[in-house]
Structures are given as structure tokens and as C-alpha cells.
C-alpha atoms as a PDB file:
ATOM      1  CA  MET A   1      53.022  44.417 -27.990  1.00  0.00           C
ATOM      2  CA  ILE A   2      54.000  41.111 -29.545  1.00  0.00           C
ATOM      3  CA  ASN A   3      54.014  39.716 -33.049  1.00  0.00           C
ATOM      4  CA  PHE A   4      51.088  37.301 -32.997  1.00  0.00           C
ATOM      5  CA  THR A   5      52.111  34.037 -34.625  1.00  0.00           C
ATOM      6  CA  GLU A   6      51.503  30.407 -33.727  1.00  0.00           C
ATOM      7  CA  ASN A   7      55.109  30.299 -32.562  1.00  0.00           C
ATOM      8  CA  TYR A   8      54.093  32.354 -29.528  1.00  0.00           C
ATOM      9  CA  PHE A   9      50.860  30.706 -28.400  1.00  0.00           C
ATOM     10  CA  ASP A  10      47.970  28.591 -29.607  1.00  0.00           C
ATOM     11  CA  LEU A  11      44.591  29.315 -28.016  1.00  0.00           C
ATOM     12  CA  ARG A  12      41.661  27.098 -28.946  1.00  0.00           C
ATOM     13  CA  LEU A  13      38.193  26.107 -27.857  1.00  0.00           C
ATOM     14  CA  LEU A  14      38.041  22.394 -27.066  1.00  0.00           C
ATOM     15  CA  LYS A  15      35.180  20.124 -26.131  1.00  0.00           C
ATOM     16  CA  ILE A  16      35.465  19.291 -22.447  1.00  0.00           C
ATOM     17  CA  SER A  17      34.617  15.684 -23.279  1.00  0.00           C
ATOM     18  CA  ASP A  18      37.756  15.448 -25.457  1.00  0.00           C
ATOM     19  CA  VAL A  19      40.144  16.360 -22.626  1.00  0.00           C
ATOM     20  CA  LYS A  20      41.936  13.767 -20.506  1.00  0.00           C
ATOM     21  CA  LEU A  21      42.985  14.514 -16.899  1.00  0.00           C
ATOM     22  CA  HIS A  22      46.118  13.445 -15.053  1.00  0.00           C
ATOM     23  CA  GLU A  23      45.760  14.996 -11.572  1.00  0.00           C
ATOM     24  CA  ASP A  24      43.193  15.225  -8.832  1.00  0.00           C
ATOM     25  CA  THR A  25      41.527  18.458  -7.723  1.00  0.00           C
ATOM     26  CA  GLU A  26      42.014  20.263  -4.423  1.00  0.00           C
ATOM     27  CA  ASN A  27      38.584  20.472  -2.776  1.00  0.00           C
ATOM     28  CA  LYS A  28      38.995  23.775  -0.935  1.00  0.00           C
ATOM     29  CA  ARG A  29      40.590  25.485  -3.907  1.00  0.00           C
ATOM     30  CA  LEU A  30      38.017  23.929  -6.218  1.00  0.00           C
ATOM     31  CA  ARG A  31      35.172  25.360  -4.116  1.00  0.00           C
ATOM     32  CA  ASN A  32      36.715  28.843  -4.189  1.00  0.00           C
ATOM     33  CA  ILE A  33      37.278  28.757  -7.941  1.00  0.00           C
ATOM     34  CA  PHE A  34      33.828  27.252  -8.536  1.00  0.00           C
ATOM     35  CA  GLN A  35      32.161  30.056  -6.569  1.00  0.00           C
ATOM     36  CA  ARG A  36      34.106  32.684  -8.474  1.00  0.00           C
ATOM     37  CA  ILE A  37      33.546  31.183 -11.921  1.00  0.00           C
ATOM     38  CA  SER A  38      29.848  30.499 -11.290  1.00  0.00           C
ATOM     39  CA  HIS A  39      29.325  34.203 -10.516  1.00  0.00           C
ATOM     40  CA  ASP A  40      31.732  35.703 -13.045  1.00  0.00           C
ATOM     41  CA  LYS A  41      30.945  36.420 -16.657  1.00  0.00           C
ATOM     42  CA  TYR A  42      34.468  35.773 -17.889  1.00  0.00           C
ATOM     43  CA  LEU A  43      37.160  33.113 -17.770  1.00  0.00           C
ATOM     44  CA  MET A  44      40.387  35.011 -17.196  1.00  0.00           C
ATOM     45  CA  ASN A  45      43.028  32.337 -17.698  1.00  0.00           C
ATOM     46  CA  PRO A  46      42.916  29.433 -20.154  1.00  0.00           C
ATOM     47  CA  VAL A  47      43.772  25.951 -18.978  1.00  0.00           C
ATOM     48  CA  ILE A  48      46.950  24.373 -20.355  1.00  0.00           C
ATOM     49  CA  ILE A  49      46.524  21.349 -22.604  1.00  0.00           C
ATOM     50  CA  GLY A  50      49.345  19.124 -23.809  1.00  0.00           C
ATOM     51  CA  LYS A  51      48.730  17.718 -27.293  1.00  0.00           C
ATOM     52  CA  TYR A  52      50.270  14.260 -27.536  1.00  0.00           C
ATOM     53  CA  GLU A  53      49.485  12.334 -30.721  1.00  0.00           C
ATOM     54  CA  ASN A  54      45.665  12.289 -30.762  1.00  0.00           C
ATOM     55  CA  ASP A  55      45.253  13.030 -27.057  1.00  0.00           C
ATOM     56  CA  TYR A  56      44.499  16.344 -25.352  1.00  0.00           C
ATOM     57  CA  ILE A  57      45.886  16.094 -21.814  1.00  0.00           C
ATOM     58  CA  LEU A  58      45.138  18.721 -19.172  1.00  0.00           C
ATOM     59  CA  ILE A  59      48.477  19.596 -17.590  1.00  0.00           C
ATOM     60  CA  ASP A  60      47.533  22.736 -15.641  1.00  0.00           C
ATOM     61  CA  GLY A  61      44.222  24.182 -14.472  1.00  0.00           C
ATOM     62  CA  ALA A  62      42.408  21.115 -13.100  1.00  0.00           C
ATOM     63  CA  ASN A  63      40.337  23.172 -10.660  1.00  0.00           C
ATOM     64  CA  ARG A  64      39.285  25.676 -13.340  1.00  0.00           C
ATOM     65  CA  PHE A  65      38.465  22.839 -15.723  1.00  0.00           C
ATOM     66  CA  SER A  66      36.386  20.966 -13.132  1.00  0.00           C
ATOM     67  CA  SER A  67      34.566  24.168 -12.147  1.00  0.00           C
ATOM     68  CA  LEU A  68      33.631  24.916 -15.756  1.00  0.00           C
ATOM     69  CA  LYS A  69      32.374  21.365 -16.170  1.00  0.00           C
ATOM     70  CA  GLU A  70      30.406  21.641 -12.913  1.00  0.00           C
ATOM     71  CA  ILE A  71      28.508  24.756 -14.063  1.00  0.00           C
ATOM     72  CA  GLY A  72      27.513  23.028 -17.280  1.00  0.00           C
ATOM     73  CA  CYS A  73      30.101  24.256 -19.771  1.00  0.00           C
ATOM     74  CA  LYS A  74      30.645  22.046 -22.805  1.00  0.00           C
ATOM     75  CA  LEU A  75      33.741  23.873 -24.059  1.00  0.00           C
ATOM     76  CA  VAL A  76      36.943  25.077 -22.458  1.00  0.00           C
ATOM     77  CA  LEU A  77      39.347  27.795 -23.541  1.00  0.00           C
ATOM     78  CA  ALA A  78      42.739  26.120 -23.725  1.00  0.00           C
ATOM     79  CA  GLN A  79      46.312  27.039 -24.493  1.00  0.00           C
ATOM     80  CA  ILE A  80      47.612  24.139 -26.560  1.00  0.00           C
ATOM     81  CA  ILE A  81      51.235  23.065 -26.336  1.00  0.00           C
ATOM     82  CA  ASP A  82      53.116  20.296 -28.103  1.00  0.00           C
ATOM     83  CA  TYR A  83      53.692  17.817 -25.284  1.00  0.00           C
ATOM     84  CA  LYS A  84      56.513  16.180 -27.232  1.00  0.00           C
ATOM     85  CA  ASP A  85      58.418  19.478 -27.291  1.00  0.00           C
ATOM     86  CA  LYS A  86      61.654  18.967 -25.342  1.00  0.00           C
ATOM     87  CA  GLU A  87      61.463  22.546 -24.051  1.00  0.00           C
ATOM     88  CA  ILE A  88      58.345  21.634 -22.069  1.00  0.00           C
ATOM     89  CA  LYS A  89      59.784  20.471 -18.757  1.00  0.00           C
ATOM     90  CA  LEU A  90      58.108  18.500 -15.991  1.00  0.00           C
ATOM     91  CA  TYR A  91      59.227  18.794 -12.382  1.00  0.00           C
ATOM     92  CA  SER A  92      57.559  18.244  -9.035  1.00  0.00           C
ATOM     93  CA  TRP A  93      56.346  20.594  -6.369  1.00  0.00           C
ATOM     94  CA  ASN A  94      57.275  19.606  -2.840  1.00  0.00           C
ATOM     95  CA  HIS A  95      54.802  20.226  -0.033  1.00  0.00           C
ATOM     96  CA  PHE A  96      55.679  22.003   3.200  1.00  0.00           C
ATOM     97  CA  VAL A  97      52.878  21.069   5.594  1.00  0.00           C
ATOM     98  CA  TYR A  98      52.509  23.317   8.631  1.00  0.00           C
ATOM     99  CA  ASP A  99      51.978  21.772  12.082  1.00  0.00           C
ATOM    100  CA  LEU A 100      51.719  18.186  10.839  1.00  0.00           C
ATOM    101  CA  GLU A 101      53.534  15.751  13.137  1.00  0.00           C
ATOM    102  CA  VAL A 102      55.982  13.382  11.468  1.00  0.00           C
ATOM    103  CA  ASP A 103      54.614  10.502  13.553  1.00  0.00           C
ATOM    104  CA  ALA A 104      51.284  10.808  11.751  1.00  0.00           C
ATOM    105  CA  ILE A 105      53.001   9.989   8.464  1.00  0.00           C
ATOM    106  CA  LEU A 106      55.210   7.273   9.952  1.00  0.00           C
ATOM    107  CA  ASN A 107      52.271   5.579  11.673  1.00  0.00           C
ATOM    108  CA  LEU A 108      50.324   5.560   8.428  1.00  0.00           C
ATOM    109  CA  ALA A 109      53.317   4.141   6.557  1.00  0.00           C
ATOM    110  CA  LYS A 110      53.646   1.361   9.142  1.00  0.00           C
ATOM    111  CA  LYS A 111      49.932   0.593   8.916  1.00  0.00           C
ATOM    112  CA  LYS A 112      50.164   0.355   5.120  1.00  0.00           C
ATOM    113  CA  LYS A 113      53.381  -1.684   5.387  1.00  0.00           C
ATOM    114  CA  TYR A 114      55.460   0.829   3.445  1.00  0.00           C
ATOM    115  CA  LYS A 115      59.195   0.594   4.021  1.00  0.00           C
ATOM    116  CA  ILE A 116      60.634   3.330   6.286  1.00  0.00           C
ATOM    117  CA  THR A 117      64.339   4.209   6.296  1.00  0.00           C
ATOM    118  CA  GLU A 118      65.857   6.928   8.473  1.00  0.00           C
ATOM    119  CA  THR A 119      68.480   9.047   6.704  1.00  0.00           C
ATOM    120  CA  ASN A 120      69.907  12.571   6.516  1.00  0.00           C
ATOM    121  CA  PHE A 121      68.573  15.286   4.234  1.00  0.00           C
ATOM    122  CA  LYS A 122      71.345  15.298   1.625  1.00  0.00           C
ATOM    123  CA  ASN A 123      71.464  11.538   1.237  1.00  0.00           C
ATOM    124  CA  GLY A 124      67.691  11.318   1.463  1.00  0.00           C
ATOM    125  CA  ARG A 125      67.276  13.567  -1.549  1.00  0.00           C
ATOM    126  CA  LYS A 126      69.607  11.375  -3.580  1.00  0.00           C
ATOM    127  CA  ILE A 127      67.680   8.261  -2.589  1.00  0.00           C
ATOM    128  CA  ALA A 128      64.310   9.903  -3.270  1.00  0.00           C
ATOM    129  CA  ASN A 129      65.467  10.928  -6.738  1.00  0.00           C
ATOM    130  CA  SER A 130      66.551   7.383  -7.582  1.00  0.00           C
ATOM    131  CA  GLY A 131      63.026   6.165  -8.344  1.00  0.00           C
ATOM    132  CA  ILE A 132      59.412   7.311  -8.425  1.00  0.00           C
ATOM    133  CA  ASN A 133      58.429   4.850  -5.679  1.00  0.00           C
ATOM    134  CA  LYS A 134      60.243   6.832  -2.962  1.00  0.00           C
ATOM    135  CA  ILE A 135      59.447  10.041  -1.092  1.00  0.00           C
ATOM    136  CA  LEU A 136      61.478  11.937   1.507  1.00  0.00           C
ATOM    137  CA  ILE A 137      59.801  13.114   4.712  1.00  0.00           C
ATOM    138  CA  SER A 138      61.681  15.818   6.647  1.00  0.00           C
ATOM    139  CA  ASP A 139      60.819  17.008  10.153  1.00  0.00           C
ATOM    140  CA  ILE A 140      62.301  20.505   9.916  1.00  0.00           C
ATOM    141  CA  GLU A 141      62.191  21.394  13.611  1.00  0.00           C
ATOM    142  CA  ASN A 142      63.777  18.167  14.886  1.00  0.00           C
ATOM    143  CA  ASN A 143      66.076  17.562  11.912  1.00  0.00           C
ATOM    144  CA  LYS A 144      64.803  14.040  11.289  1.00  0.00           C
ATOM    145  CA  HIS A 145      64.452  12.610   7.799  1.00  0.00           C
ATOM    146  CA  PHE A 146      62.840   9.426   6.512  1.00  0.00           C
ATOM    147  CA  ILE A 147      62.549   7.691   3.160  1.00  0.00           C
ATOM    148  CA  ILE A 148      59.203   6.015   2.561  1.00  0.00           C
ATOM    149  CA  THR A 149      59.305   3.385  -0.179  1.00  0.00           C
ATOM    150  CA  PHE A 150      56.204   2.120  -1.964  1.00  0.00           C
ATOM    151  CA  GLU A 151      55.925  -1.159  -3.835  1.00  0.00           C
ATOM    152  CA  ASN A 152      57.487  -0.652  -7.273  1.00  0.00           C
ATOM    153  CA  ASN A 153      54.225  -0.942  -9.172  1.00  0.00           C
ATOM    154  CA  PHE A 154      52.928   2.159 -10.956  1.00  0.00           C
ATOM    155  CA  GLU A 155      49.339   2.066  -9.734  1.00  0.00           C
ATOM    156  CA  LYS A 156      50.439   1.180  -6.193  1.00  0.00           C
ATOM    157  CA  ILE A 157      52.855   4.130  -6.237  1.00  0.00           C
ATOM    158  CA  LEU A 158      49.948   6.442  -7.079  1.00  0.00           C
ATOM    159  CA  LYS A 159      47.889   4.887  -4.291  1.00  0.00           C
ATOM    160  CA  GLY A 160      50.766   5.430  -1.857  1.00  0.00           C
ATOM    161  CA  LEU A 161      51.004   9.091  -2.818  1.00  0.00           C
ATOM    162  CA  PHE A 162      47.270   9.505  -2.222  1.00  0.00           C
ATOM    163  CA  ASP A 163      47.565   7.754   1.157  1.00  0.00           C
ATOM    164  CA  ILE A 164      50.171  10.301   2.259  1.00  0.00           C
ATOM    165  CA  THR A 165      48.565  13.452   0.834  1.00  0.00           C
ATOM    166  CA  LYS A 166      45.117  12.583   2.218  1.00  0.00           C
ATOM    167  CA  LEU A 167      46.617  12.932   5.697  1.00  0.00           C
ATOM    168  CA  TYR A 168      46.872  16.694   5.310  1.00  0.00           C
ATOM    169  CA  THR A 169      44.992  17.899   2.215  1.00  0.00           C
ATOM    170  CA  GLY A 170      42.013  19.920   3.414  1.00  0.00           C
ATOM    171  CA  LYS A 171      43.104  19.505   7.052  1.00  0.00           C
ATOM    172  CA  TYR A 172      46.429  21.331   7.294  1.00  0.00           C
ATOM    173  CA  ILE A 173      47.779  24.385   5.519  1.00  0.00           C
ATOM    174  CA  PHE A 174      50.597  23.579   3.132  1.00  0.00           C
ATOM    175  CA  ASP A 175      52.768  25.512   0.720  1.00  0.00           C
ATOM    176  CA  ARG A 176      54.235  24.240  -2.506  1.00  0.00           C
ATOM    177  CA  SER A 177      57.978  24.660  -2.766  1.00  0.00           C
ATOM    178  CA  GLU A 178      60.432  24.136  -5.584  1.00  0.00           C
ATOM    179  CA  SER A 179      62.087  20.739  -5.558  1.00  0.00           C
ATOM    180  CA  ASP A 180      65.597  22.169  -5.205  1.00  0.00           C
ATOM    181  CA  ILE A 181      64.866  24.254  -2.098  1.00  0.00           C
ATOM    182  CA  LYS A 182      67.502  23.888   0.605  1.00  0.00           C
ATOM    183  CA  ILE A 183      66.634  22.834   4.113  1.00  0.00           C
ATOM    184  CA  GLU A 184      68.480  25.887   5.486  1.00  0.00           C
ATOM    185  CA  GLU A 185      66.183  28.173   3.485  1.00  0.00           C
ATOM    186  CA  LEU A 186      63.101  26.534   4.924  1.00  0.00           C
ATOM    187  CA  LYS A 187      64.399  26.900   8.457  1.00  0.00           C
ATOM    188  CA  LYS A 188      65.246  30.539   7.832  1.00  0.00           C
ATOM    189  CA  TYR A 189      62.031  31.686   6.168  1.00  0.00           C
ATOM    190  CA  SER A 190      59.341  29.354   7.405  1.00  0.00           C
ATOM    191  CA  ARG A 191      57.190  30.909  10.125  1.00  0.00           C
ATOM    192  CA  LYS A 192      55.962  27.658  11.659  1.00  0.00           C
ATOM    193  CA  LYS A 193      57.152  24.156  12.297  1.00  0.00           C
ATOM    194  CA  GLY A 194      56.212  21.624   9.701  1.00  0.00           C
ATOM    195  CA  ILE A 195      57.017  18.651   7.508  1.00  0.00           C
ATOM    196  CA  LEU A 196      58.635  18.891   4.082  1.00  0.00           C
ATOM    197  CA  ILE A 197      57.600  16.163   1.649  1.00  0.00           C
ATOM    198  CA  ASP A 198      59.848  15.605  -1.370  1.00  0.00           C
ATOM    199  CA  PHE A 199      57.892  13.981  -4.180  1.00  0.00           C
ATOM    200  CA  PRO A 200      59.392  12.051  -7.089  1.00  0.00           C
ATOM    201  CA  ASP A 201      59.956  13.713 -10.449  1.00  0.00           C
ATOM    202  CA  PHE A 202      57.584  12.061 -12.872  1.00  0.00           C
ATOM    203  CA  LYS A 203      58.347  11.965 -16.586  1.00  0.00           C
ATOM    204  CA  LYS A 204      56.024  13.225 -19.307  1.00  0.00           C
ATOM    205  CA  ASP A 205      55.527   9.611 -20.389  1.00  0.00           C
ATOM    206  CA  HIS A 206      54.122   8.937 -16.921  1.00  0.00           C
ATOM    207  CA  VAL A 207      51.599  11.771 -17.336  1.00  0.00           C
ATOM    208  CA  VAL A 208      50.487  10.404 -20.711  1.00  0.00           C
ATOM    209  CA  ASN A 209      50.141   6.933 -19.219  1.00  0.00           C
ATOM    210  CA  ILE A 210      48.150   8.254 -16.252  1.00  0.00           C
ATOM    211  CA  ALA A 211      45.789  10.225 -18.503  1.00  0.00           C
ATOM    212  CA  ARG A 212      45.221   7.375 -20.951  1.00  0.00           C
ATOM    213  CA  LYS A 213      44.469   4.897 -18.164  1.00  0.00           C
ATOM    214  CA  LYS A 214      42.152   7.406 -16.441  1.00  0.00           C
ATOM    215  CA  LEU A 215      44.329   7.391 -13.336  1.00  0.00           C
ATOM    216  CA  LYS A 216      45.366  10.480 -11.357  1.00  0.00           C
ATOM    217  CA  ILE A 217      48.157  11.790  -9.182  1.00  0.00           C
ATOM    218  CA  PRO A 218      47.386  13.899  -6.102  1.00  0.00           C
ATOM    219  CA  THR A 219      46.807  17.600  -6.586  1.00  0.00           C
ATOM    220  CA  GLY A 220      49.702  20.038  -6.489  1.00  0.00           C
ATOM    221  CA  ILE A 221      52.578  17.700  -7.348  1.00  0.00           C
ATOM    222  CA  SER A 222      53.165  17.977 -11.097  1.00  0.00           C
ATOM    223  CA  ARG A 223      54.810  21.210 -12.196  1.00  0.00           C
ATOM    224  CA  HIS A 224      55.117  21.958 -15.913  1.00  0.00           C
ATOM    225  CA  ILE A 225      57.455  24.667 -17.171  1.00  0.00           C
ATOM    226  CA  LEU A 226      56.541  26.229 -20.494  1.00  0.00           C
ATOM    227  CA  LYS A 227      57.198  29.386 -22.467  1.00  0.00           C
ATOM    228  CA  ASN A 228      54.660  32.114 -23.209  1.00  0.00           C
ATOM    229  CA  ARG A 229      51.952  31.106 -20.765  1.00  0.00           C
ATOM    230  CA  VAL A 230      48.868  33.155 -21.652  1.00  0.00           C
ATOM    231  CA  LEU A 231      46.993  34.975 -18.867  1.00  0.00           C
ATOM    232  CA  HIS A 232      44.090  37.442 -18.527  1.00  0.00           C
ATOM    233  CA  VAL A 233      42.363  36.624 -21.817  1.00  0.00           C
ATOM    234  CA  LYS A 234      38.936  37.483 -20.324  1.00  0.00           C
ATOM    235  CA  TYR A 235      36.811  35.200 -22.471  1.00  0.00           C
ATOM    236  CA  PRO A 236      32.990  35.186 -21.977  1.00  0.00           C
ATOM    237  CA  ILE A 237      31.881  32.095 -20.069  1.00  0.00           C
ATOM    238  CA  LYS A 238      28.504  32.121 -21.846  1.00  0.00           C
ATOM    239  CA  ASN A 239      30.338  31.128 -25.043  1.00  0.00           C
ATOM    240  CA  LEU A 240      31.504  27.943 -23.309  1.00  0.00           C
ATOM    241  CA  LYS A 241      28.029  26.762 -22.306  1.00  0.00           C
ATOM    242  CA  THR A 242      27.194  25.039 -25.593  1.00  0.00           C
ATOM    243  CA  VAL A 243      29.244  23.484 -28.368  1.00  0.00           C
ATOM    244  CA  GLY A 244      27.099  25.091 -31.078  1.00  0.00           C
ATOM    245  CA  ASN A 245      29.019  25.752 -34.264  1.00  0.00           C
ATOM    246  CA  LEU A 246      32.540  25.185 -32.981  1.00  0.00           C
ATOM    247  CA  GLU A 247      34.144  26.359 -36.217  1.00  0.00           C
ATOM    248  CA  THR A 248      32.289  29.681 -36.045  1.00  0.00           C
ATOM    249  CA  LYS A 249      33.153  30.142 -32.370  1.00  0.00           C
ATOM    250  CA  SER A 250      36.812  29.418 -33.128  1.00  0.00           C
ATOM    251  CA  LYS A 251      36.857  32.084 -35.846  1.00  0.00           C
ATOM    252  CA  GLU A 252      35.262  34.566 -33.444  1.00  0.00           C
ATOM    253  CA  LEU A 253      37.954  33.725 -30.872  1.00  0.00           C
ATOM    254  CA  SER A 254      40.671  34.477 -33.440  1.00  0.00           C
ATOM    255  CA  LYS A 255      39.046  37.820 -34.276  1.00  0.00           C
ATOM    256  CA  TYR A 256      38.819  38.628 -30.570  1.00  0.00           C
ATOM    257  CA  LEU A 257      42.517  37.879 -30.056  1.00  0.00           C
ATOM    258  CA  TYR A 258      43.587  39.869 -33.119  1.00  0.00           C
ATOM    259  CA  LYS A 259      41.561  42.852 -31.934  1.00  0.00           C
ATOM    260  CA  LYS A 260      43.260  42.698 -28.535  1.00  0.00           C
ATOM    261  CA  ILE A 261      46.622  42.748 -30.290  1.00  0.00           C
ATOM    262  CA  ASP A 262      45.612  45.535 -32.681  1.00  0.00           C
ATOM    263  CA  ASP A 263      44.436  47.598 -29.706  1.00  0.00           C
ATOM    264  CA  ASN A 264      47.870  47.139 -28.105  1.00  0.00           C
ATOM    265  CA  LYS A 265      46.405  45.181 -25.184  1.00  0.00           C
ATOM    266  CA  VAL A 266      48.763  42.211 -25.370  1.00  0.00           C
ATOM    267  CA  ARG A 267      52.219  42.237 -23.817  1.00  0.00           C
ATOM    268  CA  GLN A 268      54.918  39.643 -23.543  1.00  0.00           C
ATOM    269  CA  TYR A 269      57.109  39.600 -20.433  1.00  0.00           C
ATOM    270  CA  LYS A 270      60.327  37.634 -20.699  1.00  0.00           C
ATOM    271  CA  GLU A 271      61.566  38.511 -17.231  1.00  0.00           C
ATOM    272  CA  SER A 272      60.566  36.614 -14.106  1.00  0.00           C
ATOM    273  CA  VAL A 273      57.219  37.749 -12.695  1.00  0.00           C
ATOM    274  CA  ILE A 274      55.860  37.391  -9.148  1.00  0.00           C
ATOM    275  CA  ILE A 275      52.061  37.217  -8.791  1.00  0.00           C
ATOM    276  CA  PHE A 276      50.006  37.471  -5.605  1.00  0.00           C
ATOM    277  CA  ASP A 277      47.233  34.913  -6.183  1.00  0.00           C
ATOM    278  CA  GLU A 278      43.606  35.310  -5.167  1.00  0.00           C
END
């Protein structure tokens, strides 16, 4: 049981047309979520929206959001956070791509005339973290590491990231890993050979800029850390199909949430939780 105040979470119904995106969708995952949502009667987890001045920016849940839009929903259930809050952190996921050959990336980089610099892992991470126009490519099995540098222009950096990720997205299996993972840990626990790609850490200002300019970064790179993420709300999808009287629907949502709390069906977990995804 928790004390329900706005200090814990802020759930709202927003018009889909009012939401700005900042990242691309992952086609395979999008298809799976679309199939599930199109057959389900409920939306289990709200998307996460960062409120920045007058903008509503989708920061997590792009596949859910796109699926709802695809089935004709006009509203989305969103957890609203203050995107200016300093406690909201933005990091990057790295991608560990199984069975991809490093030469495939290097050949593409040469074709696109991106700068390639061979390095070691420790130094490569320092270089990669020195600017958002650099990524580190690590061949785990052969212990070879390369910095790929894009032209230092924001839109060309985004294009470079898409060039690289399109090599494997939808073609190879890849896992997301935390940006501080050690190479020794990957070698110890990874079951297959593969390539680790260290992506740059964007800033929240970058995300705002991307959303406002209607640009995108590749799927599965941005990683927002926030408190009190709300899960398993189980909100009827039929209520999202039309805008209707939004004020009335919002009041009904509040009543629904209060009833859940009164029935002792809301819990807050402060400890770390591990979830096996669908």
C-alpha cells in the first residue's frame, strides 16, 4: 500500500496527436506488441512522457505507443514526469550483437567514409565518451576494438547511428547491456561470439531537440532512469479509442486509481526488481 499523492506518480490520458517522439521503433518487437494489444482488452503499462515546457515527449514505450496509434486509438495512458527534474537521468544502452562479424561494420564505415581508429577497450571507452559523434566497436572473441567517428553535425550523427544499427536490427539477435559493463563480464557470461557496440550518452537537451525537430534516434539506445515507474495498471483499451469528453474520462481514471488503492491493490517496491519480459 502506498500513500497516493502526486509526489509518487502522475497518470493522465493524453491525446496521441499531442505527443512528440524521439526514438524509432523496433519492427519485430512492434509486431509482437501490436498483435498482443490488438487482441487484448487492456493496456497494462502506461507509456512514459517527459513534460518539458509545453511539450509532451515520449521517453519510453515507443512500440506500445505506435501500436495503440496503429489500432486507431486517439488517447494514450501516460505516466507524466517533469523532464527538467535533475533526478531523471539519461544514459545509453549498449548493444551486444550475436554472430555479427566486425568486418561488416568496418566495411560499412569505410563505404560511408567514417573515420576508423583501432584502439584498446579501456582507452576506447574514454574516447567514445568524449563526444556524441563517436562509438566503440568491440570484437569480443578476437579482442579487437575500433572507434568509429561520424562528422560532428547533429543530424549526420543520427544518420551514422542508423547506418550502423540497420546492419543488425531485425537480422541478428542482440541484447541491451548497461553502459558500464566490463569486457571481462561479457566474455564470462555471453554464450556466443558477438560485437559490443558502445553508444554515446546523449543529454536530455538532445532528446528535446530531436523531438522538436521530428528527428529520431535508433531504437533501444536511450535509457531513462526514473523513480516510481508505474506498471500493471490494466486500463481498458476501448476508453482510448475516442477522445470524447477528455475531462470526464480523466475523472473516471482518477476514481479507478483511487479504488485500486482503497482495495489495497497498489504496492510500491523500493528494492531492485528483476522481470522476465514477454
